[in-house]
PDB file of N, CA and C in Angstrom:
ATOM      1  N   MET A   1      43.604  34.853 -61.314  1.00  0.00           N
ATOM      2  CA  MET A   1      44.709  33.860 -61.385  1.00  0.00           C
ATOM      3  C   MET A   1      45.053  33.600 -62.835  1.00  0.00           C
ATOM      4  N   ALA A   2      46.347  33.532 -63.118  1.00  0.00           N
ATOM      5  CA  ALA A   2      46.800  33.328 -64.450  1.00  0.00           C
ATOM      6  C   ALA A   2      46.519  31.887 -64.920  1.00  0.00           C
ATOM      7  N   LYS A   3      46.181  31.792 -66.203  1.00  0.00           N
ATOM      8  CA  LYS A   3      45.959  30.404 -66.800  1.00  0.00           C
ATOM      9  C   LYS A   3      46.187  30.484 -68.270  1.00  0.00           C
ATOM     10  N   ILE A   4      46.419  29.282 -68.804  1.00  0.00           N
ATOM     11  CA  ILE A   4      46.494  29.073 -70.225  1.00  0.00           C
ATOM     12  C   ILE A   4      45.200  28.587 -70.744  1.00  0.00           C
ATOM     13  N   LEU A   5      44.760  29.045 -71.908  1.00  0.00           N
ATOM     14  CA  LEU A   5      43.635  28.478 -72.539  1.00  0.00           C
ATOM     15  C   LEU A   5      44.035  27.801 -73.777  1.00  0.00           C
ATOM     16  N   LEU A   6      43.649  26.520 -73.946  1.00  0.00           N
ATOM     17  CA  LEU A   6      43.773  25.830 -75.179  1.00  0.00           C
ATOM     18  C   LEU A   6      42.420  25.840 -75.866  1.00  0.00           C
ATOM     19  N   LYS A   7      42.372  26.577 -77.001  1.00  0.00           N
ATOM     20  CA  LYS A   7      41.098  26.724 -77.672  1.00  0.00           C
ATOM     21  C   LYS A   7      41.200  25.874 -78.958  1.00  0.00           C
ATOM     22  N   GLY A   8      40.333  24.851 -79.166  1.00  0.00           N
ATOM     23  CA  GLY A   8      40.430  24.004 -80.308  1.00  0.00           C
ATOM     24  C   GLY A   8      39.958  24.752 -81.556  1.00  0.00           C
ATOM     25  N   ILE A   9      40.797  24.662 -82.650  1.00  0.00           N
ATOM     26  CA  ILE A   9      40.383  25.347 -83.950  1.00  0.00           C
ATOM     27  C   ILE A   9      40.264  24.412 -85.104  1.00  0.00           C
ATOM     28  N   THR A  10      40.818  23.231 -85.052  1.00  0.00           N
ATOM     29  CA  THR A  10      40.621  22.206 -86.100  1.00  0.00           C
ATOM     30  C   THR A  10      40.540  20.841 -85.495  1.00  0.00           C
ATOM     31  N   GLY A  11      39.954  19.942 -86.242  1.00  0.00           N
ATOM     32  CA  GLY A  11      39.913  18.469 -85.770  1.00  0.00           C
ATOM     33  C   GLY A  11      38.832  18.287 -84.786  1.00  0.00           C
ATOM     34  N   LEU A  12      38.891  17.211 -84.030  1.00  0.00           N
ATOM     35  CA  LEU A  12      37.893  16.860 -83.053  1.00  0.00           C
ATOM     36  C   LEU A  12      37.867  17.847 -81.858  1.00  0.00           C
ATOM     37  N   VAL A  13      38.871  18.601 -81.698  1.00  0.00           N
ATOM     38  CA  VAL A  13      38.931  19.615 -80.621  1.00  0.00           C
ATOM     39  C   VAL A  13      38.289  20.921 -80.927  1.00  0.00           C
ATOM     40  N   LYS A  14      37.903  21.086 -82.217  1.00  0.00           N
ATOM     41  CA  LYS A  14      37.301  22.341 -82.687  1.00  0.00           C
ATOM     42  C   LYS A  14      36.158  22.811 -81.726  1.00  0.00           C
ATOM     43  N   ASP A  15      36.178  24.078 -81.385  1.00  0.00           N
ATOM     44  CA  ASP A  15      35.183  24.681 -80.515  1.00  0.00           C
ATOM     45  C   ASP A  15      35.233  24.206 -79.014  1.00  0.00           C
ATOM     46  N   GLU A  16      36.328  23.493 -78.663  1.00  0.00           N
ATOM     47  CA  GLU A  16      36.496  23.086 -77.225  1.00  0.00           C
ATOM     48  C   GLU A  16      37.460  24.016 -76.583  1.00  0.00           C
ATOM     49  N   THR A  17      37.342  24.304 -75.361  1.00  0.00           N
ATOM     50  CA  THR A  17      38.336  25.141 -74.566  1.00  0.00           C
ATOM     51  C   THR A  17      38.744  24.365 -73.327  1.00  0.00           C
ATOM     52  N   PHE A  18      40.063  24.310 -73.085  1.00  0.00           N
ATOM     53  CA  PHE A  18      40.592  23.639 -71.975  1.00  0.00           C
ATOM     54  C   PHE A  18      41.536  24.622 -71.192  1.00  0.00           C
ATOM     55  N   PRO A  19      41.130  24.959 -69.989  1.00  0.00           N
ATOM     56  CA  PRO A  19      41.990  25.847 -69.149  1.00  0.00           C
ATOM     57  C   PRO A  19      43.043  25.083 -68.418  1.00  0.00           C
ATOM     58  N   ILE A  20      44.257  25.670 -68.318  1.00  0.00           N
ATOM     59  CA  ILE A  20      45.308  25.097 -67.467  1.00  0.00           C
ATOM     60  C   ILE A  20      45.740  26.143 -66.444  1.00  0.00           C
ATOM     61  N   GLU A  21      45.571  25.858 -65.228  1.00  0.00           N
ATOM     62  CA  GLU A  21      45.865  26.879 -64.196  1.00  0.00           C
ATOM     63  C   GLU A  21      47.388  26.892 -63.897  1.00  0.00           C
ATOM     64  N   ALA A  22      47.846  28.031 -63.446  1.00  0.00           N
ATOM     65  CA  ALA A  22      49.224  28.205 -63.081  1.00  0.00           C
ATOM     66  C   ALA A  22      49.585  27.163 -62.066  1.00  0.00           C
ATOM     67  N   GLY A  23      50.753  26.542 -62.264  1.00  0.00           N
ATOM     68  CA  GLY A  23      51.235  25.490 -61.368  1.00  0.00           C
ATOM     69  C   GLY A  23      50.865  24.078 -61.757  1.00  0.00           C
ATOM     70  N   GLN A  24      49.950  24.001 -62.727  1.00  0.00           N
ATOM     71  CA  GLN A  24      49.549  22.626 -63.168  1.00  0.00           C
ATOM     72  C   GLN A  24      50.451  22.045 -64.154  1.00  0.00           C
ATOM     73  N   ASN A  25      50.577  20.697 -64.191  1.00  0.00           N
ATOM     74  CA  ASN A  25      51.206  19.892 -65.256  1.00  0.00           C
ATOM     75  C   ASN A  25      50.120  18.996 -65.781  1.00  0.00           C
ATOM     76  N   VAL A  26      49.929  19.062 -67.108  1.00  0.00           N
ATOM     77  CA  VAL A  26      48.880  18.204 -67.690  1.00  0.00           C
ATOM     78  C   VAL A  26      49.437  17.424 -68.855  1.00  0.00           C
ATOM     79  N   THR A  27      48.809  16.298 -69.118  1.00  0.00           N
ATOM     80  CA  THR A  27      49.099  15.545 -70.369  1.00  0.00           C
ATOM     81  C   THR A  27      47.910  15.700 -71.280  1.00  0.00           C
ATOM     82  N   VAL A  28      48.250  15.735 -72.586  1.00  0.00           N
ATOM     83  CA  VAL A  28      47.213  15.792 -73.638  1.00  0.00           C
ATOM     84  C   VAL A  28      47.408  14.648 -74.516  1.00  0.00           C
ATOM     85  N   GLY A  29      46.286  14.003 -74.929  1.00  0.00           N
ATOM     86  CA  GLY A  29      46.400  12.838 -75.815  1.00  0.00           C
ATOM     87  C   GLY A  29      45.060  12.195 -76.033  1.00  0.00           C
ATOM     88  N   ARG A  30      45.048  11.055 -76.644  1.00  0.00           N
ATOM     89  CA  ARG A  30      43.820  10.367 -76.926  1.00  0.00           C
ATOM     90  C   ARG A  30      43.327   9.440 -75.763  1.00  0.00           C
ATOM     91  N   SER A  31      44.226   9.172 -74.845  1.00  0.00           N
ATOM     92  CA  SER A  31      43.952   8.297 -73.692  1.00  0.00           C
ATOM     93  C   SER A  31      43.021   8.995 -72.718  1.00  0.00           C
ATOM     94  N   ARG A  32      42.096   8.320 -72.151  1.00  0.00           N
ATOM     95  CA  ARG A  32      41.141   8.926 -71.215  1.00  0.00           C
ATOM     96  C   ARG A  32      41.898   9.196 -69.867  1.00  0.00           C
ATOM     97  N   SER A  33      43.093   8.607 -69.729  1.00  0.00           N
ATOM     98  CA  SER A  33      43.887   8.855 -68.520  1.00  0.00           C
ATOM     99  C   SER A  33      44.560  10.248 -68.581  1.00  0.00           C
ATOM    100  N   CYS A  34      44.572  10.928 -69.709  1.00  0.00           N
ATOM    101  CA  CYS A  34      45.179  12.264 -69.786  1.00  0.00           C
ATOM    102  C   CYS A  34      44.248  13.249 -69.174  1.00  0.00           C
ATOM    103  N   GLU A  35      44.837  14.332 -68.603  1.00  0.00           N
ATOM    104  CA  GLU A  35      44.022  15.381 -68.059  1.00  0.00           C
ATOM    105  C   GLU A  35      43.205  16.092 -69.123  1.00  0.00           C
ATOM    106  N   ILE A  36      43.782  16.193 -70.371  1.00  0.00           N
ATOM    107  CA  ILE A  36      43.060  16.694 -71.499  1.00  0.00           C
ATOM    108  C   ILE A  36      43.013  15.511 -72.522  1.00  0.00           C
ATOM    109  N   SER A  37      41.886  14.880 -72.566  1.00  0.00           N
ATOM    110  CA  SER A  37      41.687  13.729 -73.495  1.00  0.00           C
ATOM    111  C   SER A  37      40.911  14.160 -74.675  1.00  0.00           C
ATOM    112  N   ILE A  38      41.396  13.908 -75.882  1.00  0.00           N
ATOM    113  CA  ILE A  38      40.697  14.165 -77.125  1.00  0.00           C
ATOM    114  C   ILE A  38      39.351  13.422 -77.108  1.00  0.00           C
ATOM    115  N   LYS A  39      39.340  12.260 -76.426  1.00  0.00           N
ATOM    116  CA  LYS A  39      38.161  11.426 -76.448  1.00  0.00           C
ATOM    117  C   LYS A  39      37.045  12.037 -75.560  1.00  0.00           C
ATOM    118  N   SER A  40      37.329  13.093 -74.812  1.00  0.00           N
ATOM    119  CA  SER A  40      36.299  13.810 -74.059  1.00  0.00           C
ATOM    120  C   SER A  40      35.584  14.912 -74.853  1.00  0.00           C
ATOM    121  N   CYS A  41      36.047  15.169 -76.086  1.00  0.00           N
ATOM    122  CA  CYS A  41      35.451  16.203 -76.936  1.00  0.00           C
ATOM    123  C   CYS A  41      34.109  15.797 -77.473  1.00  0.00           C
ATOM    124  N   ASN A  42      33.259  16.810 -77.582  1.00  0.00           N
ATOM    125  CA  ASN A  42      31.915  16.525 -78.125  1.00  0.00           C
ATOM    126  C   ASN A  42      31.958  15.890 -79.485  1.00  0.00           C
ATOM    127  N   ALA A  43      32.846  16.342 -80.368  1.00  0.00           N
ATOM    128  CA  ALA A  43      32.865  15.716 -81.714  1.00  0.00           C
ATOM    129  C   ALA A  43      33.206  14.278 -81.685  1.00  0.00           C
ATOM    130  N   TYR A  44      34.085  13.877 -80.657  1.00  0.00           N
ATOM    131  CA  TYR A  44      34.408  12.425 -80.601  1.00  0.00           C
ATOM    132  C   TYR A  44      33.202  11.685 -80.060  1.00  0.00           C
ATOM    133  N   THR A  45      32.497  12.159 -79.044  1.00  0.00           N
ATOM    134  CA  THR A  45      31.355  11.480 -78.508  1.00  0.00           C
ATOM    135  C   THR A  45      30.163  11.334 -79.495  1.00  0.00           C
ATOM    136  N   LEU A  46      30.129  12.174 -80.471  1.00  0.00           N
ATOM    137  CA  LEU A  46      29.062  12.181 -81.514  1.00  0.00           C
ATOM    138  C   LEU A  46      29.383  11.228 -82.620  1.00  0.00           C
ATOM    139  N   MET A  47      30.577  10.723 -82.686  1.00  0.00           N
ATOM    140  CA  MET A  47      30.996   9.789 -83.755  1.00  0.00           C
ATOM    141  C   MET A  47      30.304   8.403 -83.556  1.00  0.00           C
ATOM    142  N   SER A  48      30.121   7.704 -84.628  1.00  0.00           N
ATOM    143  CA  SER A  48      29.503   6.387 -84.533  1.00  0.00           C
ATOM    144  C   SER A  48      30.396   5.469 -83.705  1.00  0.00           C
ATOM    145  N   PRO A  49      29.841   4.436 -83.024  1.00  0.00           N
ATOM    146  CA  PRO A  49      30.620   3.518 -82.263  1.00  0.00           C
ATOM    147  C   PRO A  49      31.726   2.842 -83.113  1.00  0.00           C
ATOM    148  N   GLU A  50      31.388   2.559 -84.362  1.00  0.00           N
ATOM    149  CA  GLU A  50      32.417   1.904 -85.263  1.00  0.00           C
ATOM    150  C   GLU A  50      33.610   2.807 -85.512  1.00  0.00           C
ATOM    151  N   ALA A  51      33.342   4.139 -85.724  1.00  0.00           N
ATOM    152  CA  ALA A  51      34.375   5.116 -85.967  1.00  0.00           C
ATOM    153  C   ALA A  51      35.235   5.263 -84.626  1.00  0.00           C
ATOM    154  N   ARG A  52      34.531   5.284 -83.509  1.00  0.00           N
ATOM    155  CA  ARG A  52      35.319   5.416 -82.242  1.00  0.00           C
ATOM    156  C   ARG A  52      36.149   4.178 -82.057  1.00  0.00           C
ATOM    157  N   ASP A  53      35.718   3.013 -82.331  1.00  0.00           N
ATOM    158  CA  ASP A  53      36.438   1.744 -82.223  1.00  0.00           C
ATOM    159  C   ASP A  53      37.740   1.819 -83.061  1.00  0.00           C
ATOM    160  N   ARG A  54      37.673   2.461 -84.217  1.00  0.00           N
ATOM    161  CA  ARG A  54      38.830   2.558 -85.096  1.00  0.00           C
ATOM    162  C   ARG A  54      39.666   3.742 -84.768  1.00  0.00           C
ATOM    163  N   ASP A  55      39.286   4.519 -83.768  1.00  0.00           N
ATOM    164  CA  ASP A  55      39.989   5.803 -83.399  1.00  0.00           C
ATOM    165  C   ASP A  55      40.095   6.647 -84.545  1.00  0.00           C
ATOM    166  N   GLU A  56      38.993   6.669 -85.390  1.00  0.00           N
ATOM    167  CA  GLU A  56      38.983   7.489 -86.633  1.00  0.00           C
ATOM    168  C   GLU A  56      39.250   8.970 -86.271  1.00  0.00           C
ATOM    169  N   GLY A  57      40.127   9.615 -87.003  1.00  0.00           N
ATOM    170  CA  GLY A  57      40.415  10.982 -86.762  1.00  0.00           C
ATOM    171  C   GLY A  57      41.489  11.252 -85.738  1.00  0.00           C
ATOM    172  N   LEU A  58      41.899  10.166 -85.025  1.00  0.00           N
ATOM    173  CA  LEU A  58      42.916  10.287 -83.994  1.00  0.00           C
ATOM    174  C   LEU A  58      44.161   9.502 -84.247  1.00  0.00           C
ATOM    175  N   LEU A  59      44.321   9.015 -85.514  1.00  0.00           N
ATOM    176  CA  LEU A  59      45.378   8.135 -85.801  1.00  0.00           C
ATOM    177  C   LEU A  59      46.770   8.759 -85.614  1.00  0.00           C
ATOM    178  N   THR A  60      46.930  10.076 -85.760  1.00  0.00           N
ATOM    179  CA  THR A  60      48.200  10.718 -85.543  1.00  0.00           C
ATOM    180  C   THR A  60      48.390  11.371 -84.162  1.00  0.00           C
ATOM    181  N   VAL A  61      47.371  11.140 -83.270  1.00  0.00           N
ATOM    182  CA  VAL A  61      47.508  11.584 -81.890  1.00  0.00           C
ATOM    183  C   VAL A  61      47.887  10.429 -80.969  1.00  0.00           C
ATOM    184  N   SER A  62      48.966  10.501 -80.235  1.00  0.00           N
ATOM    185  CA  SER A  62      49.388   9.393 -79.368  1.00  0.00           C
ATOM    186  C   SER A  62      48.522   9.340 -78.158  1.00  0.00           C
ATOM    187  N   ARG A  63      48.536   8.146 -77.424  1.00  0.00           N
ATOM    188  CA  ARG A  63      47.772   8.057 -76.299  1.00  0.00           C
ATOM    189  C   ARG A  63      48.153   9.137 -75.284  1.00  0.00           C
ATOM    190  N   LYS A  64      49.421   9.334 -75.051  1.00  0.00           N
ATOM    191  CA  LYS A  64      49.987  10.418 -74.257  1.00  0.00           C
ATOM    192  C   LYS A  64      50.916  11.210 -75.245  1.00  0.00           C
ATOM    193  N   HIS A  65      50.343  12.249 -75.765  1.00  0.00           N
ATOM    194  CA  HIS A  65      51.004  13.024 -76.869  1.00  0.00           C
ATOM    195  C   HIS A  65      51.939  14.180 -76.442  1.00  0.00           C
ATOM    196  N   LEU A  66      51.488  14.816 -75.385  1.00  0.00           N
ATOM    197  CA  LEU A  66      52.157  16.088 -75.022  1.00  0.00           C
ATOM    198  C   LEU A  66      52.018  16.293 -73.501  1.00  0.00           C
ATOM    199  N   LYS A  67      53.110  16.823 -72.957  1.00  0.00           N
ATOM    200  CA  LYS A  67      53.019  17.276 -71.516  1.00  0.00           C
ATOM    201  C   LYS A  67      53.188  18.729 -71.500  1.00  0.00           C
ATOM    202  N   ILE A  68      52.290  19.476 -70.801  1.00  0.00           N
ATOM    203  CA  ILE A  68      52.353  20.859 -70.611  1.00  0.00           C
ATOM    204  C   ILE A  68      52.612  21.186 -69.202  1.00  0.00           C
ATOM    205  N   LYS A  69      53.634  21.933 -68.887  1.00  0.00           N
ATOM    206  CA  LYS A  69      53.907  22.374 -67.539  1.00  0.00           C
ATOM    207  C   LYS A  69      53.889  23.924 -67.514  1.00  0.00           C
ATOM    208  N   PHE A  70      52.951  24.397 -66.709  1.00  0.00           N
ATOM    209  CA  PHE A  70      52.709  25.843 -66.590  1.00  0.00           C
ATOM    210  C   PHE A  70      53.195  26.210 -65.140  1.00  0.00           C
ATOM    211  N   ALA A  71      54.504  26.304 -65.048  1.00  0.00           N
ATOM    212  CA  ALA A  71      55.087  26.522 -63.705  1.00  0.00           C
ATOM    213  C   ALA A  71      55.311  28.015 -63.371  1.00  0.00           C
ATOM    214  N   LYS A  72      55.524  28.832 -64.412  1.00  0.00           N
ATOM    215  CA  LYS A  72      55.724  30.211 -64.212  1.00  0.00           C
ATOM    216  C   LYS A  72      54.657  30.985 -64.847  1.00  0.00           C
ATOM    217  N   PRO A  73      54.268  32.173 -64.289  1.00  0.00           N
ATOM    218  CA  PRO A  73      53.132  32.945 -64.914  1.00  0.00           C
ATOM    219  C   PRO A  73      53.442  33.501 -66.312  1.00  0.00           C
ATOM    220  N   ASP A  74      54.676  33.581 -66.725  1.00  0.00           N
ATOM    221  CA  ASP A  74      54.986  34.110 -68.002  1.00  0.00           C
ATOM    222  C   ASP A  74      55.466  33.128 -69.025  1.00  0.00           C
ATOM    223  N   SER A  75      55.572  31.837 -68.715  1.00  0.00           N
ATOM    224  CA  SER A  75      56.014  30.879 -69.692  1.00  0.00           C
ATOM    225  C   SER A  75      55.440  29.489 -69.429  1.00  0.00           C
ATOM    226  N   VAL A  76      55.567  28.680 -70.482  1.00  0.00           N
ATOM    227  CA  VAL A  76      55.060  27.289 -70.380  1.00  0.00           C
ATOM    228  C   VAL A  76      56.089  26.381 -71.067  1.00  0.00           C
ATOM    229  N   GLU A  77      56.225  25.145 -70.472  1.00  0.00           N
ATOM    230  CA  GLU A  77      57.158  24.176 -71.040  1.00  0.00           C
ATOM    231  C   GLU A  77      56.330  23.118 -71.704  1.00  0.00           C
ATOM    232  N   LEU A  78      56.723  22.775 -72.946  1.00  0.00           N
ATOM    233  CA  LEU A  78      56.086  21.686 -73.708  1.00  0.00           C
ATOM    234  C   LEU A  78      57.059  20.567 -73.916  1.00  0.00           C
ATOM    235  N   GLU A  79      56.540  19.353 -73.714  1.00  0.00           N
ATOM    236  CA  GLU A  79      57.381  18.174 -73.945  1.00  0.00           C
ATOM    237  C   GLU A  79      56.632  17.214 -74.847  1.00  0.00           C
ATOM    238  N   ASP A  80      57.178  17.022 -76.032  1.00  0.00           N
ATOM    239  CA  ASP A  80      56.533  16.116 -76.969  1.00  0.00           C
ATOM    240  C   ASP A  80      56.752  14.679 -76.575  1.00  0.00           C
ATOM    241  N   LEU A  81      55.697  13.912 -76.320  1.00  0.00           N
ATOM    242  CA  LEU A  81      55.780  12.536 -75.929  1.00  0.00           C
ATOM    243  C   LEU A  81      55.385  11.603 -77.056  1.00  0.00           C
ATOM    244  N   SER A  82      55.160  12.104 -78.283  1.00  0.00           N
ATOM    245  CA  SER A  82      54.561  11.438 -79.347  1.00  0.00           C
ATOM    246  C   SER A  82      55.542  10.916 -80.330  1.00  0.00           C
ATOM    247  N   SER A  83      55.026  10.030 -81.298  1.00  0.00           N
ATOM    248  CA  SER A  83      55.848   9.622 -82.415  1.00  0.00           C
ATOM    249  C   SER A  83      55.495  10.417 -83.682  1.00  0.00           C
ATOM    250  N   ASN A  84      54.314  11.075 -83.739  1.00  0.00           N
ATOM    251  CA  ASN A  84      53.840  11.813 -84.906  1.00  0.00           C
ATOM    252  C   ASN A  84      54.104  13.293 -84.805  1.00  0.00           C
ATOM    253  N   GLY A  85      54.639  13.780 -83.640  1.00  0.00           N
ATOM    254  CA  GLY A  85      55.065  15.194 -83.528  1.00  0.00           C
ATOM    255  C   GLY A  85      54.056  16.126 -82.996  1.00  0.00           C
ATOM    256  N   THR A  86      54.569  17.126 -82.304  1.00  0.00           N
ATOM    257  CA  THR A  86      53.855  18.229 -81.813  1.00  0.00           C
ATOM    258  C   THR A  86      54.466  19.457 -82.420  1.00  0.00           C
ATOM    259  N   PHE A  87      53.612  20.424 -82.901  1.00  0.00           N
ATOM    260  CA  PHE A  87      54.130  21.595 -83.648  1.00  0.00           C
ATOM    261  C   PHE A  87      53.621  22.901 -83.020  1.00  0.00           C
ATOM    262  N   LEU A  88      54.580  23.718 -82.775  1.00  0.00           N
ATOM    263  CA  LEU A  88      54.245  25.068 -82.237  1.00  0.00           C
ATOM    264  C   LEU A  88      54.483  26.113 -83.307  1.00  0.00           C
ATOM    265  N   ASP A  89      53.470  26.733 -83.761  1.00  0.00           N
ATOM    266  CA  ASP A  89      53.529  27.722 -84.874  1.00  0.00           C
ATOM    267  C   ASP A  89      54.212  27.068 -86.088  1.00  0.00           C
ATOM    268  N   GLY A  90      53.864  25.849 -86.353  1.00  0.00           N
ATOM    269  CA  GLY A  90      54.367  25.138 -87.550  1.00  0.00           C
ATOM    270  C   GLY A  90      55.672  24.489 -87.393  1.00  0.00           C
ATOM    271  N   LYS A  91      56.374  24.736 -86.272  1.00  0.00           N
ATOM    272  CA  LYS A  91      57.759  24.165 -86.053  1.00  0.00           C
ATOM    273  C   LYS A  91      57.645  23.026 -85.097  1.00  0.00           C
ATOM    274  N   ARG A  92      58.260  21.916 -85.445  1.00  0.00           N
ATOM    275  CA  ARG A  92      58.248  20.719 -84.613  1.00  0.00           C
ATOM    276  C   ARG A  92      58.932  20.934 -83.298  1.00  0.00           C
ATOM    277  N   VAL A  93      58.230  20.578 -82.148  1.00  0.00           N
ATOM    278  CA  VAL A  93      58.780  20.675 -80.834  1.00  0.00           C
ATOM    279  C   VAL A  93      59.653  19.486 -80.610  1.00  0.00           C
ATOM    280  N   ASP A  94      60.898  19.758 -80.226  1.00  0.00           N
ATOM    281  CA  ASP A  94      61.796  18.666 -79.885  1.00  0.00           C
ATOM    282  C   ASP A  94      61.412  18.103 -78.525  1.00  0.00           C
ATOM    283  N   LYS A  95      62.186  18.242 -77.484  1.00  0.00           N
ATOM    284  CA  LYS A  95      61.843  17.750 -76.247  1.00  0.00           C
ATOM    285  C   LYS A  95      61.123  18.805 -75.435  1.00  0.00           C
ATOM    286  N   MET A  96      61.682  20.035 -75.334  1.00  0.00           N
ATOM    287  CA  MET A  96      60.937  21.047 -74.536  1.00  0.00           C
ATOM    288  C   MET A  96      61.136  22.415 -75.273  1.00  0.00           C
ATOM    289  N   VAL A  97      60.073  23.216 -75.141  1.00  0.00           N
ATOM    290  CA  VAL A  97      60.106  24.608 -75.691  1.00  0.00           C
ATOM    291  C   VAL A  97      59.534  25.452 -74.525  1.00  0.00           C
ATOM    292  N   ILE A  98      60.132  26.589 -74.332  1.00  0.00           N
ATOM    293  CA  ILE A  98      59.523  27.551 -73.382  1.00  0.00           C
ATOM    294  C   ILE A  98      59.023  28.710 -74.243  1.00  0.00           C
ATOM    295  N   ALA A  99      57.739  28.928 -74.107  1.00  0.00           N
ATOM    296  CA  ALA A  99      57.044  30.026 -74.904  1.00  0.00           C
ATOM    297  C   ALA A  99      56.543  31.114 -74.006  1.00  0.00           C
ATOM    298  N   ASP A 100      56.848  32.345 -74.392  1.00  0.00           N
ATOM    299  CA  ASP A 100      56.333  33.485 -73.621  1.00  0.00           C
ATOM    300  C   ASP A 100      54.897  33.821 -74.130  1.00  0.00           C
ATOM    301  N   LEU A 101      53.899  33.327 -73.405  1.00  0.00           N
ATOM    302  CA  LEU A 101      52.558  33.477 -73.840  1.00  0.00           C
ATOM    303  C   LEU A 101      51.949  34.871 -73.676  1.00  0.00           C
ATOM    304  N   GLN A 102      52.607  35.680 -72.850  1.00  0.00           N
ATOM    305  CA  GLN A 102      52.058  37.007 -72.622  1.00  0.00           C
ATOM    306  C   GLN A 102      52.284  37.928 -73.784  1.00  0.00           C
ATOM    307  N   SER A 103      53.201  37.551 -74.651  1.00  0.00           N
ATOM    308  CA  SER A 103      53.499  38.447 -75.810  1.00  0.00           C
ATOM    309  C   SER A 103      52.545  38.121 -76.946  1.00  0.00           C
ATOM    310  N   LYS A 104      52.159  36.843 -77.153  1.00  0.00           N
ATOM    311  CA  LYS A 104      51.270  36.544 -78.280  1.00  0.00           C
ATOM    312  C   LYS A 104      50.763  35.122 -78.090  1.00  0.00           C
ATOM    313  N   PRO A 105      49.629  34.821 -78.711  1.00  0.00           N
ATOM    314  CA  PRO A 105      49.139  33.486 -78.694  1.00  0.00           C
ATOM    315  C   PRO A 105      49.894  32.602 -79.672  1.00  0.00           C
ATOM    316  N   TYR A 106      49.859  31.299 -79.497  1.00  0.00           N
ATOM    317  CA  TYR A 106      50.545  30.351 -80.382  1.00  0.00           C
ATOM    318  C   TYR A 106      49.547  29.347 -80.959  1.00  0.00           C
ATOM    319  N   GLU A 107      49.959  28.752 -82.033  1.00  0.00           N
ATOM    320  CA  GLU A 107      49.147  27.604 -82.609  1.00  0.00           C
ATOM    321  C   GLU A 107      49.894  26.360 -82.210  1.00  0.00           C
ATOM    322  N   LEU A 108      49.144  25.435 -81.583  1.00  0.00           N
ATOM    323  CA  LEU A 108      49.702  24.184 -81.151  1.00  0.00           C
ATOM    324  C   LEU A 108      48.950  23.010 -81.813  1.00  0.00           C
ATOM    325  N   ARG A 109      49.739  22.179 -82.598  1.00  0.00           N
ATOM    326  CA  ARG A 109      49.094  21.096 -83.366  1.00  0.00           C
ATOM    327  C   ARG A 109      49.648  19.765 -82.915  1.00  0.00           C
ATOM    328  N   LEU A 110      48.772  18.838 -82.655  1.00  0.00           N
ATOM    329  CA  LEU A 110      49.142  17.482 -82.298  1.00  0.00           C
ATOM    330  C   LEU A 110      48.943  16.653 -83.586  1.00  0.00           C
ATOM    331  N   GLY A 111      50.053  15.947 -84.053  1.00  0.00           N
ATOM    332  CA  GLY A 111      49.978  15.157 -85.213  1.00  0.00           C
ATOM    333  C   GLY A 111      49.586  15.971 -86.386  1.00  0.00           C
ATOM    334  N   ARG A 112      48.706  15.481 -87.237  1.00  0.00           N
ATOM    335  CA  ARG A 112      48.329  16.174 -88.476  1.00  0.00           C
ATOM    336  C   ARG A 112      47.153  17.094 -88.380  1.00  0.00           C
ATOM    337  N   ARG A 113      46.280  16.934 -87.382  1.00  0.00           N
ATOM    338  CA  ARG A 113      44.966  17.642 -87.500  1.00  0.00           C
ATOM    339  C   ARG A 113      44.526  18.356 -86.214  1.00  0.00           C
ATOM    340  N   GLU A 114      44.750  17.861 -85.125  1.00  0.00           N
ATOM    341  CA  GLU A 114      44.177  18.441 -83.852  1.00  0.00           C
ATOM    342  C   GLU A 114      44.939  19.723 -83.567  1.00  0.00           C
ATOM    343  N   THR A 115      44.324  20.906 -83.694  1.00  0.00           N
ATOM    344  CA  THR A 115      45.078  22.133 -83.562  1.00  0.00           C
ATOM    345  C   THR A 115      44.324  23.041 -82.508  1.00  0.00           C
ATOM    346  N   PHE A 116      45.109  23.641 -81.638  1.00  0.00           N
ATOM    347  CA  PHE A 116      44.659  24.535 -80.585  1.00  0.00           C
ATOM    348  C   PHE A 116      45.244  25.943 -80.794  1.00  0.00           C
ATOM    349  N   ARG A 117      44.594  26.963 -80.309  1.00  0.00           N
ATOM    350  CA  ARG A 117      45.150  28.297 -80.179  1.00  0.00           C
ATOM    351  C   ARG A 117      45.514  28.304 -78.689  1.00  0.00           C
ATOM    352  N   MET A 118      46.766  28.493 -78.362  1.00  0.00           N
ATOM    353  CA  MET A 118      47.245  28.520 -76.982  1.00  0.00           C
ATOM    354  C   MET A 118      47.514  29.982 -76.520  1.00  0.00           C
ATOM    355  N   GLU A 119      46.793  30.429 -75.570  1.00  0.00           N
ATOM    356  CA  GLU A 119      46.844  31.834 -75.220  1.00  0.00           C
ATOM    357  C   GLU A 119      46.890  31.990 -73.709  1.00  0.00           C
ATOM    358  N   PHE A 120      47.496  33.065 -73.234  1.00  0.00           N
ATOM    359  CA  PHE A 120      47.583  33.418 -71.795  1.00  0.00           C
ATOM    360  C   PHE A 120      46.341  34.175 -71.421  1.00  0.00           C
ATOM    361  N   SER A 121      45.856  33.925 -70.188  1.00  0.00           N
ATOM    362  CA  SER A 121      44.729  34.698 -69.684  1.00  0.00           C
ATOM    363  C   SER A 121      45.060  35.057 -68.246  1.00  0.00           C
ATOM    364  N   ALA A 122      45.004  36.375 -67.989  1.00  0.00           N
ATOM    365  CA  ALA A 122      45.378  36.848 -66.625  1.00  0.00           C
ATOM    366  C   ALA A 122      44.242  36.603 -65.594  1.00  0.00           C
ATOM    367  N   SER A 123      43.015  36.392 -66.100  1.00  0.00           N
ATOM    368  CA  SER A 123      41.906  36.248 -65.178  1.00  0.00           C
ATOM    369  C   SER A 123      41.586  34.750 -64.839  1.00  0.00           C
TER     370      SER A 123
END
C-alpha cells in the first residue's frame, strides 16, 4: 500500500519517522491533538520540564501548523495553517501545493527548524 514517509532530519523531529497512509488527512504541529505532534518526539520528551513548559525549540511551530492530504497515490496536498510558515524545498507554501512524490523526495520545514524529508513509499 502506498504511503508517505516524513523522516525528521533537523530539530526535535530528527531521527523520527511518521508514515501517512494513502487516503489519510493529517495535521502536524505542536498540539497533542494533531495526528503528528512534535511533542510526541523522543527529543521533546527528554527535555527538562522547565524547557517543555516554555515550549523551547517549538516557538516557530504552530499548534496546528500544517495539514497533509494524501488523497491520490501520486500526489499530496499541503495546506499551511501557521503564522511562521511551511517551506517545501525552501519555498514558502501558500495555501496548497500538490507535489509529485514519486519523482523525487522533498524537504519540508515547519517554521525555522523542524525539518522532514518527505518521500513516497510504494510498500
